[in-house]
Protein backbone atom coordinates (compact mmCIF):
# COMPACT_ATOMS: atom_id res chain seq x y z
CA MET A 1 0.00 0.00 0.00
CA THR A 2 1.32 3.46 -0.81
CA THR A 3 2.50 5.75 1.98
CA ARG A 4 -0.27 8.20 1.11
CA GLY A 5 -2.89 5.42 1.26
CA ILE A 6 -1.62 4.22 4.65
CA ALA A 7 -1.62 7.73 6.07
CA LEU A 8 -5.10 8.49 4.71
CA ALA A 9 -6.56 5.27 6.11
CA THR A 10 -4.94 5.95 9.46
CA VAL A 11 -6.22 9.52 9.66
CA LEU A 12 -9.76 8.53 8.69
CA CYS A 13 -9.86 5.66 11.19
CA SER A 14 -8.50 7.87 13.94
CA PHE A 15 -11.00 10.61 13.14
CA LEU A 16 -13.98 8.25 13.14
CA LEU A 17 -12.93 6.79 16.46
CA ASP A 18 -11.96 10.03 18.18
CA VAL A 19 -15.17 11.93 17.49
CA THR A 20 -17.38 9.15 18.82
CA GLN A 21 -15.84 8.25 22.18
CA SER A 22 -18.48 8.15 24.87
CA ALA A 23 -16.16 8.69 27.82
CA THR A 24 -14.29 11.56 26.21
CA ALA A 25 -15.05 15.21 26.92
CA TYR A 26 -13.86 18.14 24.83
CA SER A 27 -12.84 21.46 26.34
CA THR A 28 -12.15 24.71 24.53
CA SER A 29 -11.11 27.72 26.61
CA ASN A 30 -9.57 31.18 26.34
CA ALA A 31 -7.92 33.08 29.16
CA ASP A 32 -6.71 36.66 29.28
CA ASN A 33 -3.76 36.20 29.62
CA ILE A 34 -2.42 32.78 30.76
CA GLN A 35 -4.13 29.46 31.43
CA THR A 36 -2.91 26.09 32.68
CA VAL A 37 -5.41 23.22 32.63
CA TYR A 38 -5.24 20.20 34.94
CA VAL A 39 -7.31 17.01 35.22
CA SER A 40 -8.10 14.86 38.24
CA TYR A 41 -9.54 11.34 38.06
CA ASP A 42 -9.94 10.96 41.83
CA SER A 43 -12.31 13.82 42.72
CA GLY A 44 -9.49 16.32 43.19
CA ASP A 45 -7.09 14.32 45.36
CA SER A 46 -4.39 14.48 42.67
CA TRP A 47 -3.93 16.49 39.47
CA SER A 48 -2.07 16.15 36.15
CA GLN A 49 -1.38 18.96 33.70
CA LEU A 50 -3.27 18.77 30.41
CA GLY A 51 -2.24 21.98 28.69
CA TYR A 52 -0.75 25.46 28.92
CA LEU A 53 -1.26 28.59 26.82
CA ASN A 54 -0.01 32.16 27.10
CA ASP A 55 -2.10 33.82 24.40
CA TRP A 56 -5.61 35.06 24.97
CA THR A 57 -6.32 35.28 21.23
CA SER A 58 -5.85 31.52 20.84
CA SER A 59 -7.99 28.76 22.31
CA LEU A 60 -6.67 25.82 24.28
CA ASP A 61 -8.52 22.81 22.85
CA LEU A 62 -8.25 19.57 24.83
CA GLU A 63 -9.62 16.03 24.92
CA ILE A 64 -10.28 14.53 28.34
CA GLU A 65 -10.43 10.75 28.07
CA ASP A 66 -11.99 8.15 30.37
CA VAL A 67 -14.33 10.62 32.07
CA THR A 68 -16.18 9.31 35.13
CA ALA A 69 -18.08 10.85 38.02
CA SER A 70 -14.69 11.28 39.75
CA THR A 71 -13.23 13.46 36.96
CA LYS A 72 -12.62 17.15 37.54
CA LEU A 73 -10.98 19.90 35.48
CA ARG A 74 -9.05 22.83 36.88
CA TYR A 75 -8.25 26.01 34.93
CA VAL A 76 -5.56 28.16 36.60
CA CYS A 77 -5.76 31.59 34.94
CA SER A 78 -3.58 34.68 35.35
CA ASP A 79 -3.91 38.26 34.12
CA TYR A 80 -1.02 40.66 33.70
CA GLY A 81 -2.76 43.92 32.91
CA VAL A 82 -5.58 45.86 31.23
CA ILE A 83 -8.35 43.28 31.79
CA GLY A 84 -8.62 39.66 32.86
CA GLY A 85 -11.01 36.99 31.72
CA PHE A 86 -11.82 33.31 31.34
CA ILE A 87 -14.34 31.66 29.02
CA ALA A 88 -14.93 27.98 28.28
CA THR A 89 -17.16 25.43 26.60
CA ILE A 90 -17.18 21.70 27.43
CA THR A 91 -18.88 19.09 25.28
CA TYR A 92 -19.68 15.70 26.83
CA ARG A 93 -22.11 12.99 25.69
CA GLY A 94 -23.67 15.32 23.17
CA GLU A 95 -24.41 18.05 25.72
CA THR A 96 -22.71 21.46 26.00
CA TYR A 97 -21.69 23.13 29.27
CA VAL A 98 -20.43 26.72 29.37
CA THR A 99 -19.25 29.43 31.73
CA THR A 100 -22.49 31.13 32.73
CA ASP A 101 -23.79 34.42 34.14
CA PRO A 102 -23.98 33.95 37.09
CA ILE A 103 -21.41 31.21 37.45
CA GLY A 104 -23.64 29.34 39.91
CA ALA A 105 -26.22 28.78 37.15
CA GLY A 106 -23.86 26.36 35.41
CA TYR A 107 -21.33 23.69 36.28
CA PHE A 108 -18.17 25.75 36.48
CA GLU A 109 -17.17 27.20 39.82
CA VAL A 110 -14.43 29.28 41.36
CA SER A 111 -11.98 27.03 43.18
CA LYS A 112 -11.81 27.24 46.94
CA ASP A 113 -8.10 27.91 46.44
CA SER A 114 -8.93 31.33 44.95
CA ASP A 115 -9.52 34.28 47.22
CA VAL A 116 -12.55 35.34 45.19
CA SER A 117 -16.25 34.97 45.96
CA ASP A 118 -19.00 34.58 43.39
CA ASP A 119 -20.31 38.03 44.36
CA ASP A 120 -17.04 39.59 43.17
CA LEU A 121 -17.31 38.24 39.63
CA VAL A 122 -17.94 40.37 36.54
CA TYR A 123 -19.42 38.92 33.33
CA HIS A 124 -19.17 39.74 29.63
CA GLU A 125 -20.81 38.05 26.66
CA ALA A 126 -18.65 35.93 24.40
CA SER A 127 -18.96 38.41 21.54
CA SER A 128 -18.08 41.46 23.63
CA SER A 129 -15.10 43.83 23.36
CA PRO A 130 -12.14 43.67 23.54
CA TRP A 131 -12.02 39.94 22.84
CA TYR A 132 -14.60 39.28 20.09
CA ILE A 133 -13.74 35.68 20.82
CA LEU A 134 -16.42 34.07 18.66
CA ALA A 135 -14.57 35.27 15.57
CA LYS A 136 -11.34 33.70 16.86
CA ASN A 137 -12.64 30.43 18.33
CA GLU A 138 -15.28 28.62 16.28
CA LEU A 139 -15.64 25.92 18.95
CA MET A 140 -16.75 28.36 21.63
CA SER A 141 -20.49 28.43 22.32
CA ASP A 142 -22.10 31.82 21.86
CA ASP A 143 -23.90 31.16 25.16
CA ALA A 144 -20.61 31.22 27.08
CA TYR A 145 -19.56 34.23 29.19
CA TRP A 146 -16.22 35.77 30.00
CA ILE A 147 -15.72 35.73 33.77
CA TRP A 148 -13.29 37.64 36.00
CA ASP A 149 -13.40 40.02 38.93
CA ALA A 150 -12.80 43.78 38.88
CA ASN A 151 -9.05 43.41 39.52
CA ILE A 152 -6.08 43.08 37.19
CA ASN A 153 -2.65 41.49 37.59
CA ASN A 154 -4.19 38.67 39.58
CA ALA A 155 -5.02 34.96 39.29
CA ILE A 156 -8.29 33.02 39.56
CA THR A 157 -8.76 29.25 39.43
CA PHE A 158 -11.92 27.74 37.95
CA GLU A 159 -13.08 24.12 38.20
CA PHE A 160 -15.54 21.83 36.43
CA ASP A 161 -16.85 18.69 38.14
CA PHE A 162 -18.23 15.85 36.00
CA GLU A 163 -19.95 14.25 38.99
CA GLU A 164 -23.03 16.35 38.39
CA ILE A 165 -23.55 15.18 34.81
CA ALA A 166 -22.28 11.59 34.92
CA GLN A 167 -24.31 8.40 35.20
CA PRO A 168 -26.65 7.73 38.13
CA VAL A 169 -25.08 7.14 41.51
CA THR A 170 -26.04 3.81 43.07
CA GLY A 171 -25.64 2.47 46.58
CA ALA A 172 -26.83 -0.30 48.86
CA ILE A 173 -26.97 -1.58 52.40
CA TYR A 174 -26.43 -5.31 52.20
CA ASP A 175 -24.39 -6.48 55.21
CA GLU A 176 -27.05 -5.89 57.89
CA GLU A 177 -30.71 -5.01 58.33
CA ALA A 178 -31.18 -1.72 56.49
CA ASP A 179 -33.85 -0.37 58.84
CA GLY A 180 -32.32 2.41 60.95
CA ASP A 181 -29.32 2.91 58.67
CA THR A 182 -28.65 6.21 56.92
CA VAL A 183 -27.67 6.82 53.29
CA SER A 184 -26.11 10.08 52.09
CA MET A 185 -26.58 11.81 48.74
CA THR A 186 -24.90 14.96 47.45
CA CYS A 187 -25.34 17.04 44.29
CA LYS A 188 -23.96 20.53 43.74
CA HIS A 189 -27.07 21.71 41.89
CA GLY A 190 -29.62 19.48 43.54
CA ILE A 191 -30.84 15.89 43.54
CA ASN A 192 -33.37 15.41 40.74
CA GLY A 193 -33.99 11.67 40.47
CA ILE A 194 -34.40 9.10 43.27
CA ALA A 195 -35.37 5.44 43.19
CA ALA A 196 -35.08 2.81 45.93
CA ILE A 197 -36.11 -0.72 46.88
CA TYR A 198 -36.32 -2.02 50.44
CA GLY A 199 -36.25 -5.77 50.90
CA ALA A 200 -35.43 -7.00 47.40
CA ASN A 201 -34.51 -10.27 49.13
CA CYS A 202 -38.00 -10.86 50.58
CA ARG A 203 -39.20 -14.37 49.71
CA LYS A 204 -42.50 -15.84 48.69
CA GLY A 205 -44.36 -16.70 51.88
CA ASP A 206 -42.65 -14.10 54.08
CA GLN A 207 -45.06 -12.09 56.20
CA GLY A 208 -45.21 -8.34 55.83
CA SER A 209 -47.09 -5.29 54.68
CA LEU A 210 -45.66 -5.03 51.16
CA PRO A 211 -44.59 -7.57 48.52
CA GLY A 212 -40.82 -7.75 48.17
CA GLY A 213 -39.11 -5.84 45.38
CA GLU A 214 -41.59 -2.99 45.09
CA ARG A 215 -40.38 0.58 44.78
CA GLN A 216 -40.50 2.24 48.18
CA ASP A 217 -38.91 5.61 47.60
CA GLY A 218 -41.79 8.06 48.15
CA PRO A 219 -40.62 9.30 51.58
CA MET A 220 -37.03 9.44 50.34
CA LYS A 221 -38.08 11.67 47.44
CA GLU A 222 -40.10 13.92 49.72
CA GLU A 223 -37.14 14.40 52.03
CA CYS A 224 -34.29 14.70 49.53
CA TYR A 225 -35.55 15.91 46.14
CA GLY A 226 -33.96 19.21 45.10
CA LYS A 227 -31.48 19.33 47.97
CA THR A 228 -27.74 19.60 47.40
CA SER A 229 -27.09 17.23 50.30
CA CYS A 230 -29.37 14.79 52.06
CA ASP A 231 -28.96 12.16 54.77
CA TYR A 232 -31.89 9.78 54.67
CA THR A 233 -32.59 7.34 57.49
CA ILE A 234 -34.49 4.20 56.51
CA ASP A 235 -37.55 3.72 58.70
CA HIS A 236 -39.72 0.67 58.06
CA THR A 237 -42.62 2.25 59.97
CA GLU A 238 -42.64 5.01 57.38
CA ILE A 239 -42.00 3.11 54.15
CA GLY A 240 -43.58 -0.18 55.15
CA ASP A 241 -42.11 -3.59 55.94
CA PRO A 242 -42.12 -5.89 52.89
CA CYS A 243 -41.37 -8.98 55.01
CA SER A 244 -41.42 -8.72 58.78
CA GLY A 245 -38.99 -10.91 60.64
CA THR A 246 -36.58 -11.02 57.69
CA VAL A 247 -33.26 -9.15 57.52
CA LYS A 248 -33.67 -6.90 54.48
CA ASP A 249 -31.30 -5.12 52.07
CA PHE A 250 -31.80 -1.63 50.67
CA TYR A 251 -30.84 -0.56 47.14
CA TYR A 252 -31.03 2.98 45.81
CA ALA A 253 -29.99 5.20 42.90
CA TYR A 254 -30.10 8.92 42.26
CA THR A 255 -29.13 11.51 39.67
CA CYS A 256 -28.05 15.12 39.89
CA THR A 257 -29.64 18.05 38.10
CA GLY A 258 -27.12 17.83 35.25
CA ASN A 259 -28.42 14.38 34.35
CA LYS A 260 -31.91 15.07 33.05
CA TYR A 261 -33.05 11.53 32.25
CA GLY A 262 -34.17 10.37 35.68
CA VAL A 263 -33.48 6.89 37.03
CA ASN A 264 -35.29 3.55 37.33
CA VAL A 265 -34.57 0.59 39.60
CA GLY A 266 -35.97 -2.91 39.73
CA SER A 267 -35.40 -6.27 41.39
CA LEU A 268 -36.18 -9.96 41.47
CA GLY A 269 -36.29 -11.66 44.85
CA ILE A 270 -39.50 -13.62 45.37
CA SER A 271 -37.43 -16.76 44.80
CA GLU A 272 -33.89 -17.49 43.56
CA ALA A 273 -33.24 -14.95 40.82
CA SER A 274 -31.31 -17.36 38.60
CA GLY A 275 -33.77 -18.89 36.15
CA GLN A 276 -36.10 -15.92 36.30
CA SER A 277 -36.43 -13.18 33.69
CA PHE A 278 -37.55 -9.59 33.73
CA THR A 279 -38.45 -6.99 31.12
CA ILE A 280 -37.43 -3.34 31.09
CA SER A 281 -38.67 -0.84 28.55
CA CYS A 282 -38.65 2.82 27.63
CA GLU A 283 -41.69 4.69 26.44
CA GLY A 284 -41.70 7.66 24.12
CA ASP A 285 -40.15 8.32 20.74
CA ASP A 286 -36.42 7.81 20.34
CA MET A 287 -35.77 6.72 23.92
CA VAL A 288 -33.76 3.59 24.62
CA ILE A 289 -32.37 1.65 27.58
CA LYS A 290 -29.04 2.61 29.11
CA VAL A 291 -28.04 0.29 31.96
CA ALA A 292 -26.19 1.90 34.86
CA ASP A 293 -25.84 -0.95 37.37
CA ALA A 294 -26.81 -4.56 38.07
CA ILE A 295 -26.01 -6.72 41.12
CA TYR A 296 -26.64 -10.42 41.63
CA GLY A 297 -26.77 -11.64 45.23
CA LEU A 298 -27.08 -8.31 47.03
CA ASN A 299 -28.37 -10.32 49.99
CA CYS A 300 -25.48 -12.83 50.17
CA GLN A 301 -24.46 -11.69 53.66
CA ILE A 302 -27.90 -11.41 55.27
CA THR A 303 -29.95 -14.37 54.04
CA PRO A 304 -29.63 -17.80 55.73
CA ARG A 305 -28.10 -20.65 53.74
CA VAL A 306 -30.47 -23.38 52.66
CA CYS A 307 -27.96 -26.21 52.26
CA GLY A 308 -24.63 -27.40 53.63
CA ALA A 309 -23.38 -27.71 57.18
CA SER A 310 -24.26 -24.11 57.99
CA ALA A 311 -27.83 -24.26 56.65
CA GLY A 312 -30.24 -22.12 58.62
CA LEU A 313 -27.65 -19.75 60.08
CA ALA A 314 -28.85 -16.20 60.64
CA TYR A 315 -26.43 -14.86 58.02
CA GLY A 316 -25.50 -16.39 54.71
CA THR A 317 -21.84 -15.94 53.79
CA SER A 318 -19.09 -13.36 53.88
CA ALA A 319 -19.13 -13.21 50.08
CA SER A 320 -19.64 -9.87 48.38
CA PRO A 321 -22.45 -9.30 45.88
CA LEU A 322 -21.56 -9.87 42.23
CA ASP A 323 -21.42 -6.90 39.86
CA VAL A 324 -23.10 -8.11 36.65
CA THR A 325 -23.61 -4.72 35.00
CA ASP A 326 -21.68 -5.55 31.84
CA ASP A 327 -23.84 -8.55 30.97
CA LEU A 328 -27.08 -6.62 31.34
CA LYS A 329 -25.60 -3.80 29.24
CA THR A 330 -24.68 -6.23 26.49
CA GLU A 331 -28.18 -7.64 26.35
CA CYS A 332 -30.28 -4.49 26.76
CA ASN A 333 -28.40 -1.27 25.97
CA GLY A 334 -29.84 0.61 23.00
CA LYS A 335 -33.15 -1.28 22.92
CA SER A 336 -36.57 0.22 23.60
CA SER A 337 -37.61 -3.01 25.35
CA CYS A 338 -35.56 -5.92 26.64
CA THR A 339 -36.29 -9.22 28.37
CA TYR A 340 -33.28 -10.48 30.31
CA ASN A 341 -32.80 -14.02 31.62
CA ILE A 342 -30.72 -14.40 34.78
CA ASN A 343 -28.40 -17.39 34.57
CA HIS A 344 -25.94 -18.11 37.38
CA GLY A 345 -24.12 -20.54 35.09
CA LYS A 346 -23.17 -17.57 32.93
CA LEU A 347 -22.82 -14.90 35.61
CA GLY A 348 -21.22 -16.98 38.35
CA ASP A 349 -22.55 -17.75 41.83
CA PRO A 350 -21.47 -15.22 44.48
CA CYS A 351 -22.81 -17.32 47.39
CA SER A 352 -23.87 -20.89 46.85
CA CYS A 353 -26.68 -22.31 49.03
CA VAL A 354 -28.15 -18.81 49.44
CA VAL A 355 -31.35 -17.84 47.63
CA LYS A 356 -30.18 -14.69 45.90
CA ASP A 357 -31.89 -11.54 44.71
CA TYR A 358 -31.04 -9.39 41.69
CA VAL A 359 -31.25 -5.57 41.51
CA TYR A 360 -30.63 -3.21 38.62
CA THR A 361 -30.64 0.45 37.60
CA TYR A 362 -31.23 1.94 34.16
CA GLN A 363 -32.20 5.15 32.39
CA CYS A 364 -34.20 5.94 29.28
CA VAL A 365 -32.06 8.16 27.05
CA PRO A 366 -31.71 9.26 23.40
CA PRO A 367 -30.02 6.57 21.27
CA ARG A 368 -26.91 8.68 20.67
CA LEU A 369 -25.92 8.39 24.34
CA VAL A 370 -25.87 4.60 24.11
CA THR A 371 -24.31 4.50 20.64
CA MET A 372 -21.36 6.49 22.00
CA ASP A 373 -20.63 3.67 24.44
CA GLU A 374 -20.54 1.19 21.56
CA TYR A 375 -18.01 3.37 19.78
CA GLU A 376 -15.85 3.43 22.90
CA ASP A 377 -15.83 -0.38 23.00
CA MET A 378 -15.11 -0.42 19.28
CA GLU A 379 -12.06 1.78 19.76
CA ALA A 380 -10.65 -0.48 22.44
CA ASP A 381 -11.21 -3.60 20.32
CA ILE A 382 -9.57 -2.10 17.24
CA ASP A 383 -6.61 -0.85 19.24
CA ASP A 384 -6.05 -4.41 20.47
CA ILE A 385 -5.63 -5.55 16.87
CA VAL A 386 -4.11 -2.60 15.04
CA ASP A 387 -1.07 -0.59 16.09
CA TYR A 388 -1.62 2.41 13.83
CA GLU A 389 1.76 4.00 14.50
CA LEU A 390 3.50 0.71 13.69
CA VAL A 391 1.53 0.37 10.48
CA VAL A 392 2.47 3.84 9.29
CA ALA A 393 6.11 3.47 10.29
CA HIS A 394 6.86 -0.07 9.11
CA GLY A 395 4.10 -1.16 6.76
CA ILE A 396 1.18 -3.54 6.79
CA GLU A 397 3.30 -6.70 7.30
CA GLU A 398 4.85 -5.54 10.57
CA GLY A 399 1.60 -3.99 11.74
CA GLN A 400 0.05 -7.44 11.76
CA VAL A 401 -3.40 -6.22 10.76
CA ASN A 402 -5.80 -9.16 10.73
CA MET A 403 -8.73 -7.60 8.90
CA MET A 404 -10.76 -10.82 8.69
CA THR A 405 -10.59 -11.40 12.45
CA LEU A 406 -11.53 -7.78 13.08
CA PHE A 407 -14.46 -8.00 10.68
CA ILE A 408 -15.87 -11.27 12.03
CA ASN A 409 -15.47 -10.60 15.75
CA GLN A 410 -17.00 -7.13 15.84
CA THR A 411 -20.76 -6.82 16.22
CA SER A 412 -21.02 -3.13 15.41
CA ILE A 413 -21.95 -2.19 11.87
CA TYR A 414 -19.76 0.89 12.24
CA VAL A 415 -16.71 -1.27 12.79
CA LYS A 416 -17.49 -3.29 9.68
CA ALA A 417 -17.87 -0.09 7.66
CA VAL A 418 -14.47 1.16 8.80
CA VAL A 419 -12.83 -2.20 8.03
CA ILE A 420 -14.36 -2.41 4.54
CA PHE A 421 -13.30 1.15 3.77
CA VAL A 422 -9.72 0.55 4.91
CA GLY A 423 -9.64 -2.72 2.96
CA LEU A 424 -10.70 -0.97 -0.24
CA LEU A 425 -8.02 1.64 0.27
CA ALA A 426 -5.45 -1.11 0.77
CA VAL A 427 -6.49 -2.89 -2.45
CA TYR A 428 -6.35 0.35 -4.40
CA GLY A 429 -2.96 1.22 -2.94
CA LEU A 430 -1.51 -2.19 -3.87
CA TYR A 431 -2.95 -1.93 -7.38
CA LYS A 432 -1.36 1.47 -7.88
CA LEU A 433 1.94 0.24 -6.48
CA PHE A 434 2.20 -2.77 -8.86
CA ALA A 435 0.90 -0.78 -11.83
CA ASP A 436 3.57 1.88 -11.31
CA LYS A 437 6.28 -0.75 -10.94
CA LEU A 438 5.20 -2.50 -14.16
CA LYS A 439 5.17 0.76 -16.03
CA ASN A 440 8.63 1.69 -14.81
CA LYS A 441 9.99 -1.75 -15.70
CA LEU A 442 8.67 -1.56 -19.23
CA ASN A 443 10.08 1.93 -19.65
CA SER A 444 13.50 0.84 -18.43
CA ASN A 445 13.66 -1.98 -21.03
CA GLY A 446 12.62 0.23 -23.88
CA GLU A 447 9.59 -1.99 -24.39
CA TYR A 448 6.87 0.39 -23.35
CA GLN A 449 7.11 2.65 -26.42
CA ARG A 450 7.44 -0.35 -28.74
CA LEU A 451 4.20 -1.81 -27.42
CA LEU A 452 2.46 1.50 -27.85
CA ASN A 453 3.53 1.71 -31.50
CA GLN A 454 1.99 -1.72 -32.17
CA VAL A 455 -1.42 -0.65 -30.92
């Protein structure tokens, strides 16, 4: 394949993969005068530098990979005269987040390390003088605002926390009776979605006021909805007792205001979950399932064993519940309706001789938010097979590109399209290479012109 063909194929593949990563955020920012951008993947405990720029007329454009709820960005900005300012736009999962007026209306904030309060800040529209930044930075949203205080020759640090806009937060109490325990929830801009189940492990025949596995989150919503922080104490006299005399687990999920798709939870626990099936669905046009969490055997530590030497003991085992999120994602993500069969032979058995429950969390979202996840998996799979730098530097042979394996193993139609396209480029490049060599060989032997004269 020609060098140009290899380079073109590489650039196109890289472009297709880069623009569709689900866990990648894109930041564009301008600072008058200097900005240094850092990223933290552990909620601010440690930081790594992403970029530096000392030119307010130019934007600092960055990709932030592997974004989770623990990811934060920090923009350290300095002014050295006339006027200071900072403006930014972040794109993540198809949504845009900007520096707002006032700053508290958005998801940026002034770092606690800065000796500046929100009341001290001054705002200017993106198009305003002296920057006219929209003409210089096409990636900047026209809804973004320049932010600074009234001072010059100073520094202000801004931060952006992805926790508010990431997937639902899930939690559980599973090592003791949940009644009387307290769960804590925090959201900078307010808690906007809450779902919970008390006693997913309740069994058929248990006595109580509610059937096991039903949603019992009304009081929790009343107490916590809209708050930035909430400590909720589980009280069976308030929410009902699904099976009196049984030690019960508690499973919950919530979203913050930045995640506008709400949250749903469900469970199976009337009998052993393995062998049972359940159906989840999303109503409304263009809304599909996006699984956030799934756990098999949440009750492993609180339900008596039914076989073995320790059968009938008050507590089951010391085994931890089994995270089976990936399997449920594989089966249901991107569908408007999905029936899932629980099979311990496939998932594994976190605590044998214990009748186990199964709990799960999902959202109903636009298809693009699920499709992005498929692209992320596609990128990882292709990278396992193709070393693009090696291909460009040393050629197809040393790159060890197994196109047939890539084509067969991938389930995504987008992967197949990329593979077919690259394959066609490779065939064309080889054709051109041999055609040029043949032409040159004929010319060198003086045969080419002779053959032309005979035509």
